[in-house]
Amino acid sequence: MKARLATLLAWVIALLNVFPLVWMALASFKTEVDAIHTPPLLFFHPTLENYQAIFALQDYTGYALNSVAISLGATLITVLIAIPAAFAMAFYPGPRTRDILLWMLSTKMLPAVGVLVPIYLLCRDAGLLDTRTALIIVYVLSNLPIAVWMLFTFFRETPRDIIEASRIDGASVGETILLVLLPLVLPGIASTALLLIILCWNEAFWSLNLTAHNAAPLTAFIASFSAPQGLFWARLSAASLLAIAPILVFGWLSQRQLVRGLTFGAVK
């Protein structure tokens, strides 16, 4: 009985999570009149006019390439910085290591709008407004605490004796990390990178405030369909579906690696 209730609850939660996506997908194939019809229409004549209008009015490929370049660039730099930082904290902790980790995590509690003005002014003075470089730097700084915390957890699960043995054999710190540690915690690093890609792809606040057109990713692409005349729900739904489709497919294809990495070390 308990197993059946748990299964039923899981299905309810899954349907609640999937329903907005399904509803958005249906709305994207409706006309604007059908999309705002009350009560909502479940049966309608599908149309591709919203997608045709989007590709005619907007450079979807340009926005998508910006999202890919910014997400992959920020993820790569974040992981490269987080690996040595987490390695040092996990295997050579100091008296304030725990305090440093807590301080890093506390920075995620700061509202982004609280530092918008100084970051905007810094980017303006450095000539980085509406550039991929600006978003990559901001994404790296905002996601670095999460990456360090995750990698620190994975590294801490690695037997310390293996690291000490490699140092006794004459391996340098870099060789220890590359040849000994990374192969052991590869699932954890992969899951961290996958999570960072998703976080970067979905980030909207900074992309809307630091870009205009040249470096605008898909989150800005969605916002561009908000007009003074109001929201065109069918066209906005189509734009949203085009923006989230790549990361949805990516998440679906990598779900095994993500779950495997997030549960790495949980079962001895």
Protein backbone atom coordinates (compact mmCIF):
# COMPACT_ATOMS: atom_id res chain seq x y z
CA MET A 1 0.00 0.00 0.00
CA LYS A 2 2.77 2.40 0.92
CA ALA A 3 4.59 1.60 -2.32
CA ARG A 4 1.45 2.38 -4.34
CA LEU A 5 0.94 5.69 -2.52
CA ALA A 6 4.56 6.62 -3.11
CA THR A 7 4.21 5.78 -6.81
CA LEU A 8 1.01 7.80 -7.07
CA LEU A 9 2.64 10.76 -5.33
CA ALA A 10 5.61 10.55 -7.68
CA TRP A 11 3.30 10.62 -10.71
CA VAL A 12 1.39 13.61 -9.32
CA ILE A 13 4.61 15.55 -8.75
CA ALA A 14 5.89 14.61 -12.21
CA LEU A 15 2.66 15.74 -13.88
CA LEU A 16 2.68 19.03 -11.97
CA ASN A 17 6.20 19.70 -13.22
CA VAL A 18 5.51 18.67 -16.80
CA PHE A 19 2.11 20.36 -17.17
CA PRO A 20 3.42 23.95 -17.68
CA LEU A 21 5.76 22.73 -20.43
CA VAL A 22 2.97 20.83 -22.17
CA TRP A 23 0.61 23.80 -21.89
CA MET A 24 3.27 26.14 -23.28
CA ALA A 25 3.94 23.76 -26.17
CA LEU A 26 0.22 23.61 -27.00
CA ALA A 27 -0.09 27.40 -26.84
CA SER A 28 2.80 27.81 -29.27
CA PHE A 29 0.76 26.06 -31.97
CA LYS A 30 -2.35 28.20 -31.39
CA THR A 31 -3.35 31.49 -32.90
CA GLU A 32 -3.31 34.48 -30.57
CA VAL A 33 -7.09 34.37 -30.35
CA ASP A 34 -7.09 30.71 -29.38
CA ALA A 35 -4.25 31.22 -26.90
CA ILE A 36 -6.22 33.75 -24.83
CA HIS A 37 -9.58 32.06 -25.27
CA THR A 38 -11.64 31.60 -22.10
CA PRO A 39 -12.17 28.83 -21.17
CA PRO A 40 -8.89 27.43 -22.56
CA LEU A 41 -9.15 25.40 -25.74
CA LEU A 42 -7.90 21.83 -25.63
CA PHE A 43 -8.91 21.13 -29.23
CA PHE A 44 -7.85 23.58 -31.91
CA HIS A 45 -6.40 23.79 -35.40
CA PRO A 46 -2.59 23.85 -34.97
CA THR A 47 -0.60 26.44 -36.87
CA LEU A 48 3.07 27.18 -37.43
CA GLU A 49 2.57 30.90 -37.94
CA ASN A 50 4.15 31.76 -34.58
CA TYR A 51 7.37 29.96 -35.43
CA GLN A 52 7.40 31.44 -38.92
CA ALA A 53 7.01 34.93 -37.46
CA ILE A 54 9.81 34.33 -34.95
CA PHE A 55 12.33 33.20 -37.55
CA ALA A 56 11.27 36.05 -39.83
CA LEU A 57 11.64 38.75 -37.16
CA GLN A 58 14.46 37.46 -34.94
CA ASP A 59 17.91 35.94 -35.40
CA TYR A 60 17.30 32.80 -33.35
CA THR A 61 20.59 31.23 -34.44
CA GLY A 62 22.57 34.21 -33.15
CA TYR A 63 20.89 34.08 -29.74
CA ALA A 64 21.42 30.31 -29.56
CA LEU A 65 25.11 30.57 -30.44
CA ASN A 66 25.55 33.20 -27.73
CA SER A 67 23.92 30.90 -25.18
CA VAL A 68 26.14 27.99 -26.17
CA ALA A 69 29.35 30.04 -26.17
CA ILE A 70 28.60 31.78 -22.88
CA SER A 71 27.41 28.65 -21.06
CA LEU A 72 30.31 26.45 -22.20
CA GLY A 73 32.89 29.20 -21.67
CA ALA A 74 31.69 30.07 -18.18
CA THR A 75 31.42 26.40 -17.22
CA LEU A 76 34.93 25.56 -18.42
CA ILE A 77 36.53 28.49 -16.58
CA THR A 78 34.54 27.81 -13.41
CA VAL A 79 35.57 24.15 -13.31
CA LEU A 80 39.22 24.99 -14.00
CA ILE A 81 39.24 27.41 -11.06
CA ALA A 82 37.13 25.26 -8.74
CA ILE A 83 39.19 22.06 -9.08
CA PRO A 84 42.44 23.37 -7.51
CA ALA A 85 40.49 25.39 -4.93
CA ALA A 86 38.46 22.38 -3.83
CA PHE A 87 41.57 20.17 -3.92
CA ALA A 88 43.43 22.47 -1.54
CA MET A 89 40.49 22.72 0.85
CA ALA A 90 39.77 18.97 0.82
CA PHE A 91 43.32 17.61 1.24
CA TYR A 92 45.21 20.52 2.83
CA PRO A 93 42.59 22.20 5.03
CA GLY A 94 43.52 25.10 7.23
CA PRO A 95 41.98 26.31 10.48
CA ARG A 96 39.62 28.60 8.52
CA THR A 97 38.71 26.30 5.65
CA ARG A 98 35.19 25.68 6.88
CA ASP A 99 34.68 29.40 7.45
CA ILE A 100 35.87 30.15 3.91
CA LEU A 101 33.46 27.60 2.45
CA LEU A 102 30.56 29.03 4.44
CA TRP A 103 31.51 32.56 3.40
CA MET A 104 31.61 31.53 -0.26
CA LEU A 105 28.21 29.91 0.03
CA SER A 106 26.80 32.98 1.81
CA THR A 107 27.56 35.11 -1.26
CA LYS A 108 24.82 33.18 -3.10
CA MET A 109 22.31 34.65 -0.65
CA LEU A 110 23.06 38.18 -1.87
CA PRO A 111 20.31 39.47 -4.20
CA ALA A 112 21.77 40.03 -7.65
CA VAL A 113 20.01 43.39 -7.93
CA GLY A 114 22.05 44.56 -4.93
CA VAL A 115 25.27 44.53 -6.97
CA LEU A 116 23.78 45.41 -10.35
CA VAL A 117 24.85 49.06 -10.36
CA PRO A 118 28.55 48.53 -9.49
CA ILE A 119 28.89 45.59 -11.90
CA TYR A 120 27.14 47.55 -14.65
CA LEU A 121 29.48 50.51 -14.11
CA LEU A 122 32.54 48.25 -14.10
CA CYS A 123 31.48 46.64 -17.37
CA ARG A 124 30.72 50.04 -18.89
CA ASP A 125 34.09 51.50 -17.93
CA ALA A 126 35.88 48.36 -19.18
CA GLY A 127 34.00 48.45 -22.47
CA LEU A 128 32.41 45.06 -21.82
CA LEU A 129 28.73 45.93 -22.08
CA ASP A 130 26.87 43.76 -24.59
CA THR A 131 29.78 41.31 -24.87
CA ARG A 132 30.03 37.61 -24.16
CA THR A 133 33.08 38.28 -21.99
CA ALA A 134 31.02 40.28 -19.48
CA LEU A 135 28.44 37.53 -19.05
CA ILE A 136 31.11 34.82 -18.80
CA ILE A 137 32.91 36.73 -16.02
CA VAL A 138 29.69 37.34 -14.09
CA TYR A 139 28.53 33.74 -14.50
CA VAL A 140 31.89 32.41 -13.33
CA LEU A 141 31.86 34.59 -10.23
CA SER A 142 28.24 33.78 -9.38
CA ASN A 143 28.54 30.00 -9.87
CA LEU A 144 32.02 29.46 -8.45
CA PRO A 145 30.80 28.93 -4.84
CA ILE A 146 28.48 26.12 -5.96
CA ALA A 147 31.21 24.47 -8.03
CA VAL A 148 33.75 24.62 -5.18
CA TRP A 149 31.26 23.21 -2.68
CA MET A 150 30.27 20.32 -4.94
CA LEU A 151 33.84 19.42 -5.88
CA PHE A 152 34.96 19.76 -2.27
CA THR A 153 32.33 17.18 -1.31
CA PHE A 154 33.42 14.79 -4.06
CA PHE A 155 37.15 15.22 -3.29
CA ARG A 156 36.59 14.64 0.40
CA GLU A 157 35.14 11.21 -0.39
CA THR A 158 38.42 10.21 -2.08
CA PRO A 159 40.77 8.24 0.21
CA ARG A 160 43.52 10.56 1.40
CA ASP A 161 46.03 7.69 1.32
CA ILE A 162 45.91 7.63 -2.50
CA ILE A 163 46.86 11.30 -2.69
CA GLU A 164 49.63 10.90 -0.13
CA ALA A 165 50.98 7.84 -1.96
CA SER A 166 51.20 9.78 -5.21
CA ARG A 167 53.11 12.57 -3.50
CA ILE A 168 55.52 10.06 -1.93
CA ASP A 169 56.13 8.61 -5.40
CA GLY A 170 57.27 12.05 -6.51
CA ALA A 171 54.18 13.32 -8.30
CA SER A 172 53.74 17.07 -8.30
CA VAL A 173 50.51 18.72 -7.23
CA GLY A 174 49.44 19.12 -10.85
CA GLU A 175 50.24 15.50 -11.68
CA THR A 176 48.38 14.35 -8.58
CA ILE A 177 45.29 16.24 -9.66
CA LEU A 178 45.42 15.27 -13.34
CA LEU A 179 46.60 11.67 -13.16
CA VAL A 180 45.28 10.46 -9.80
CA LEU A 181 42.40 12.55 -8.50
CA LEU A 182 40.44 13.48 -11.64
CA PRO A 183 39.98 9.89 -12.93
CA LEU A 184 38.63 8.89 -9.51
CA VAL A 185 36.08 11.71 -9.25
CA LEU A 186 35.22 12.11 -12.92
CA PRO A 187 31.47 11.48 -12.33
CA GLY A 188 31.42 14.26 -9.74
CA ILE A 189 33.21 16.68 -12.05
CA ALA A 190 30.86 15.79 -14.90
CA SER A 191 27.77 16.38 -12.76
CA THR A 192 29.18 19.71 -11.57
CA ALA A 193 29.83 20.79 -15.16
CA LEU A 194 26.35 19.71 -16.26
CA LEU A 195 24.73 21.65 -13.44
CA LEU A 196 26.80 24.73 -14.25
CA ILE A 197 25.76 24.58 -17.91
CA ILE A 198 22.10 24.47 -16.89
CA LEU A 199 22.52 27.38 -14.46
CA CYS A 200 24.30 29.50 -17.06
CA TRP A 201 21.77 28.68 -19.77
CA ASN A 202 18.81 29.63 -17.56
CA GLU A 203 20.31 32.84 -16.14
CA ALA A 204 18.14 35.79 -17.17
CA PHE A 205 18.82 38.69 -14.80
CA TRP A 206 22.35 39.48 -15.93
CA SER A 207 21.72 38.78 -19.60
CA LEU A 208 18.87 41.28 -19.66
CA ASN A 209 20.85 44.00 -17.88
CA LEU A 210 24.31 43.60 -19.42
CA THR A 211 23.45 42.86 -23.04
CA ALA A 212 21.41 44.51 -25.78
CA HIS A 213 21.76 42.54 -29.00
CA ASN A 214 25.29 41.45 -29.93
CA ALA A 215 25.82 39.11 -26.96
CA ALA A 216 22.22 38.50 -25.96
CA PRO A 217 21.49 34.82 -25.18
CA LEU A 218 18.18 33.00 -25.48
CA THR A 219 16.88 34.35 -22.16
CA ALA A 220 17.00 37.83 -23.71
CA PHE A 221 15.46 36.36 -26.87
CA ILE A 222 12.34 35.44 -24.86
CA ALA A 223 12.13 38.88 -23.27
CA SER A 224 12.25 40.53 -26.70
CA PHE A 225 8.69 39.32 -27.34
CA SER A 226 7.29 41.50 -24.58
CA ALA A 227 5.93 44.57 -26.35
CA PRO A 228 4.32 47.81 -25.10
CA GLN A 229 1.11 46.66 -26.77
CA GLY A 230 1.00 43.68 -24.41
CA LEU A 231 2.06 40.06 -24.37
CA PHE A 232 1.39 37.91 -27.40
CA TRP A 233 0.97 34.62 -25.60
CA ALA A 234 1.13 32.27 -28.58
CA ARG A 235 4.28 33.86 -30.01
CA LEU A 236 5.83 34.15 -26.55
CA SER A 237 5.14 30.46 -25.93
CA ALA A 238 6.80 29.54 -29.21
CA ALA A 239 9.85 31.67 -28.36
CA SER A 240 10.06 30.12 -24.89
CA LEU A 241 9.84 26.60 -26.31
CA LEU A 242 12.64 27.34 -28.78
CA ALA A 243 14.77 28.75 -25.95
CA ILE A 244 14.38 25.86 -23.53
CA ALA A 245 14.29 23.02 -26.05
CA PRO A 246 18.10 22.66 -26.39
CA ILE A 247 18.73 22.52 -22.63
CA LEU A 248 15.77 20.17 -22.14
CA VAL A 249 17.20 17.75 -24.69
CA PHE A 250 20.66 18.14 -23.17
CA GLY A 251 19.32 17.46 -19.66
CA TRP A 252 17.38 14.44 -20.85
CA LEU A 253 20.41 12.95 -22.59
CA SER A 254 22.71 13.58 -19.61
CA GLN A 255 20.34 12.71 -16.77
CA ARG A 256 22.13 9.45 -15.98
CA GLN A 257 25.49 11.17 -15.67
CA LEU A 258 23.97 13.97 -13.60
CA VAL A 259 22.28 11.63 -11.14
CA ARG A 260 25.33 9.39 -10.97
CA GLY A 261 27.56 12.35 -10.17
CA LEU A 262 25.23 13.88 -7.60
CA THR A 263 25.03 10.55 -5.74
CA PHE A 264 28.76 9.90 -6.06
CA GLY A 265 30.11 8.65 -2.75
CA ALA A 266 26.67 8.37 -1.16
CA VAL A 267 26.78 4.56 -0.97
CA LYS A 268 29.95 2.87 0.25
